[in-house]
């Protein structure tokens, strides 16, 4: 059956900076893992709860897939997948439409318990302790992890801004600071294909102006600024705003 990053893709989970040039399969046996050309064979025990079927294909379910990737990938890449799986369940609750990649914290905890004694399970536990179902994109997940690693105060995610109809990606309400990840390649680019870029820019400006009028400091950053260690980077900008 399919597993690891191949299962994540088939489940519709977000994948960031993980090579997709090889097919990953999992066999329910204690040994026999190997790589041959573009095929990676993993081995390990499988419980009945670990297996799902999607479009006629057998693959590891979302909780097992999340744990397998958290055991084998760097924390940043693994957390993107884990947040996506938990957020899918939040979306399910709003729409009533099932999504194959959705899972719950309890399911992940159970899958972690079944992985006790396997390679990388300690790293998986540390990574999965940082999950946040409110994270809506890989950029938000990466931003939150960078804040954690940099020692910044833990933010409130998807915070409803008082007096407005908006939510801030990140907020430190007691310090009157909010943070916004801008995932567009260029500021002002239309959010939807075929959309009006100028209208998108105007709406974004109106949104930010309304948030600022509530007395909040707004810090905004892009993909490149998440990891920029310089004075223009996300961490430096947030640290300055939070101190002031």
Foldseek 3Di string as FASTA:
>chain_A
DFAAVQVLVLLVFDFDPDDPQATEDEDADDDDFDDDVRYTYHYHHDDPQQWDADPNDIYGAQLLNLQVNQQPDPLLRSLSRVLRQCLQVVVCVVPVDDGRSHDHPVSNVVSLVVCPPPHRSVSSVVSVVPHDNLDDHSLLSLLQVLCVVVVHPRWDAQDCQPPDRGTARTDDVVQQEGEHEDADPDQQCDPDVPDDSVVNNVVVVVVVVVSVVVVHHYHYDYPVQSPDPDCSHPVNVVVVSSVD
